[in-house]
């Protein structure tokens, strides 16, 4: 697996595909900024060390890469 250390990845949409993908990127070393319309989904990932954004615009402002 490629290391993403030092890269901030923004992830918008943490549904059936998004949440597992965000976890894989986080495991690869990326600093994650996540947003989802249902805040409880994002809060679950925050417990794993990811950062919650309050809007898609905030994700764009904070991330090097956006998915």
N, C-alpha and C. Protein backbone atom coordinates (compact mmCIF):
# COMPACT_ATOMS: atom_id res chain seq x y z
N UNK A 1 0.84 -1.18 0.00
CA UNK A 1 0.00 0.00 0.00
C UNK A 1 0.88 1.24 0.00
N UNK A 2 0.52 2.20 -0.80
CA UNK A 2 1.26 3.46 -0.89
C UNK A 2 1.01 4.30 0.36
N UNK A 3 2.06 4.98 0.84
CA UNK A 3 1.91 5.85 2.00
C UNK A 3 1.40 7.22 1.57
N UNK A 4 0.45 7.73 2.31
CA UNK A 4 -0.09 9.06 2.05
C UNK A 4 0.28 10.03 3.16
N UNK A 5 1.32 9.71 3.92
CA UNK A 5 1.75 10.58 5.00
C UNK A 5 2.00 11.99 4.48
N UNK A 6 1.47 12.98 5.20
CA UNK A 6 1.67 14.37 4.82
C UNK A 6 0.64 14.90 3.84
N UNK A 7 -0.28 14.05 3.40
CA UNK A 7 -1.31 14.46 2.46
C UNK A 7 -2.64 14.57 3.19
N UNK A 8 -3.35 15.67 2.95
CA UNK A 8 -4.68 15.82 3.52
C UNK A 8 -5.70 15.52 2.44
N UNK A 9 -6.50 14.49 2.69
CA UNK A 9 -7.52 14.07 1.74
C UNK A 9 -8.89 14.46 2.30
N UNK A 10 -9.66 15.15 1.48
CA UNK A 10 -11.03 15.50 1.84
C UNK A 10 -11.98 14.51 1.22
N UNK A 11 -12.93 14.04 2.01
CA UNK A 11 -13.89 13.06 1.51
C UNK A 11 -15.29 13.58 1.78
N UNK A 12 -16.07 13.73 0.71
CA UNK A 12 -17.45 14.21 0.80
C UNK A 12 -18.37 13.05 0.43
N UNK A 13 -19.18 12.64 1.38
CA UNK A 13 -20.11 11.54 1.15
C UNK A 13 -19.56 10.26 1.75
N UNK A 14 -20.15 9.82 2.84
CA UNK A 14 -19.63 8.67 3.58
C UNK A 14 -20.67 7.55 3.61
N UNK A 15 -21.21 7.26 2.45
CA UNK A 15 -22.21 6.21 2.34
C UNK A 15 -21.61 4.83 2.24
N UNK A 16 -22.30 3.98 1.54
CA UNK A 16 -21.92 2.57 1.43
C UNK A 16 -20.49 2.40 0.90
N UNK A 17 -20.09 3.23 -0.04
CA UNK A 17 -18.73 3.16 -0.59
C UNK A 17 -17.77 4.13 0.08
N UNK A 18 -18.27 5.32 0.42
CA UNK A 18 -17.40 6.38 0.92
C UNK A 18 -16.72 6.08 2.24
N UNK A 19 -17.48 5.53 3.20
CA UNK A 19 -16.90 5.27 4.52
C UNK A 19 -15.76 4.27 4.46
N UNK A 20 -15.92 3.12 3.79
CA UNK A 20 -14.79 2.19 3.69
C UNK A 20 -13.59 2.79 2.95
N UNK A 21 -13.86 3.60 1.92
CA UNK A 21 -12.76 4.21 1.18
C UNK A 21 -12.00 5.21 2.06
N UNK A 22 -12.72 6.00 2.85
CA UNK A 22 -12.08 6.94 3.76
C UNK A 22 -11.22 6.21 4.78
N UNK A 23 -11.71 5.10 5.27
CA UNK A 23 -10.93 4.30 6.24
C UNK A 23 -9.64 3.77 5.63
N UNK A 24 -9.69 3.32 4.39
CA UNK A 24 -8.50 2.80 3.72
C UNK A 24 -7.47 3.92 3.53
N UNK A 25 -7.92 5.09 3.10
CA UNK A 25 -7.01 6.22 2.93
C UNK A 25 -6.39 6.64 4.26
N UNK A 26 -7.19 6.64 5.31
CA UNK A 26 -6.68 6.98 6.65
C UNK A 26 -5.63 5.96 7.09
N UNK A 27 -5.91 4.69 6.85
CA UNK A 27 -4.96 3.62 7.21
C UNK A 27 -3.65 3.77 6.45
N UNK A 28 -3.72 4.33 5.22
CA UNK A 28 -2.52 4.54 4.40
C UNK A 28 -1.73 5.77 4.84
N UNK A 29 -2.25 6.49 5.85
CA UNK A 29 -1.48 7.60 6.40
C UNK A 29 -2.00 8.99 6.08
N UNK A 30 -3.08 9.07 5.32
CA UNK A 30 -3.61 10.39 4.98
C UNK A 30 -4.28 11.03 6.18
N UNK A 31 -4.12 12.34 6.28
CA UNK A 31 -4.90 13.11 7.25
C UNK A 31 -6.24 13.35 6.57
N UNK A 32 -7.33 12.90 7.19
CA UNK A 32 -8.64 12.93 6.56
C UNK A 32 -9.50 14.07 7.10
N UNK A 33 -10.16 14.75 6.17
CA UNK A 33 -11.20 15.73 6.48
C UNK A 33 -12.46 15.22 5.82
N UNK A 34 -13.47 14.88 6.62
CA UNK A 34 -14.66 14.22 6.08
C UNK A 34 -15.91 15.06 6.29
N UNK A 35 -16.85 14.91 5.35
CA UNK A 35 -18.15 15.57 5.44
C UNK A 35 -19.23 14.61 4.99
N UNK A 36 -20.32 14.62 5.72
CA UNK A 36 -21.50 13.86 5.33
C UNK A 36 -22.72 14.62 5.81
N UNK A 37 -23.81 14.57 5.06
CA UNK A 37 -25.03 15.28 5.46
C UNK A 37 -25.56 14.77 6.79
N UNK A 38 -25.42 13.47 7.05
CA UNK A 38 -25.82 12.90 8.34
C UNK A 38 -24.59 12.93 9.24
N UNK A 39 -24.59 13.85 10.19
CA UNK A 39 -23.40 14.10 11.01
C UNK A 39 -22.96 12.88 11.82
N UNK A 40 -23.89 12.03 12.22
CA UNK A 40 -23.52 10.86 13.03
C UNK A 40 -22.57 9.93 12.29
N UNK A 41 -22.67 9.88 10.99
CA UNK A 41 -21.75 9.05 10.19
C UNK A 41 -20.34 9.63 10.27
N UNK A 42 -20.21 10.94 10.13
CA UNK A 42 -18.91 11.59 10.23
C UNK A 42 -18.36 11.47 11.64
N UNK A 43 -19.21 11.56 12.65
CA UNK A 43 -18.76 11.45 14.04
C UNK A 43 -18.16 10.08 14.32
N UNK A 44 -18.70 9.06 13.69
CA UNK A 44 -18.14 7.70 13.84
C UNK A 44 -16.69 7.68 13.37
N UNK A 45 -16.41 8.33 12.24
CA UNK A 45 -15.04 8.36 11.72
C UNK A 45 -14.15 9.30 12.53
N UNK A 46 -14.73 10.30 13.14
CA UNK A 46 -13.94 11.19 14.00
C UNK A 46 -13.38 10.40 15.19
N UNK A 47 -14.12 9.43 15.67
CA UNK A 47 -13.63 8.58 16.76
C UNK A 47 -12.42 7.75 16.33
N UNK A 48 -12.24 7.62 15.02
CA UNK A 48 -11.10 6.88 14.48
C UNK A 48 -9.94 7.81 14.12
N UNK A 49 -10.10 9.11 14.42
CA UNK A 49 -9.00 10.05 14.19
C UNK A 49 -9.15 10.95 12.98
N UNK A 50 -10.29 10.90 12.32
CA UNK A 50 -10.51 11.77 11.17
C UNK A 50 -11.14 13.09 11.64
N UNK A 51 -10.99 14.13 10.84
CA UNK A 51 -11.51 15.45 11.17
C UNK A 51 -12.81 15.70 10.43
N UNK A 52 -13.79 16.26 11.14
CA UNK A 52 -15.09 16.55 10.54
C UNK A 52 -15.10 17.97 10.01
N UNK A 53 -15.61 18.13 8.80
CA UNK A 53 -15.85 19.45 8.23
C UNK A 53 -17.35 19.74 8.34
N UNK A 54 -17.71 21.01 8.41
CA UNK A 54 -19.12 21.38 8.54
C UNK A 54 -19.81 21.61 7.20
N UNK A 55 -19.03 21.60 6.11
CA UNK A 55 -19.60 21.81 4.78
C UNK A 55 -18.63 21.29 3.72
N UNK A 56 -19.13 21.05 2.51
CA UNK A 56 -18.23 20.68 1.43
C UNK A 56 -17.19 21.77 1.15
N UNK A 57 -17.59 23.03 1.30
CA UNK A 57 -16.65 24.13 1.10
C UNK A 57 -15.48 24.05 2.08
N UNK A 58 -15.77 23.70 3.32
CA UNK A 58 -14.68 23.56 4.31
C UNK A 58 -13.75 22.42 3.92
N UNK A 59 -14.29 21.34 3.39
CA UNK A 59 -13.45 20.23 2.92
C UNK A 59 -12.50 20.75 1.85
N UNK A 60 -13.03 21.50 0.90
CA UNK A 60 -12.22 22.05 -0.19
C UNK A 60 -11.13 22.98 0.31
N UNK A 61 -11.44 23.76 1.34
CA UNK A 61 -10.46 24.69 1.90
C UNK A 61 -9.34 23.99 2.64
N UNK A 62 -9.62 22.83 3.22
CA UNK A 62 -8.65 22.17 4.11
C UNK A 62 -7.86 21.04 3.46
N UNK A 63 -8.31 20.55 2.30
CA UNK A 63 -7.72 19.32 1.73
C UNK A 63 -6.82 19.62 0.53
N UNK A 64 -5.82 18.73 0.37
CA UNK A 64 -4.97 18.77 -0.82
C UNK A 64 -5.65 18.06 -2.00
N UNK A 65 -6.39 17.00 -1.67
CA UNK A 65 -7.10 16.17 -2.64
C UNK A 65 -8.52 16.02 -2.14
N UNK A 66 -9.50 16.07 -3.05
CA UNK A 66 -10.90 15.92 -2.67
C UNK A 66 -11.52 14.76 -3.44
N UNK A 67 -12.22 13.94 -2.69
CA UNK A 67 -12.93 12.81 -3.30
C UNK A 67 -14.40 12.96 -2.95
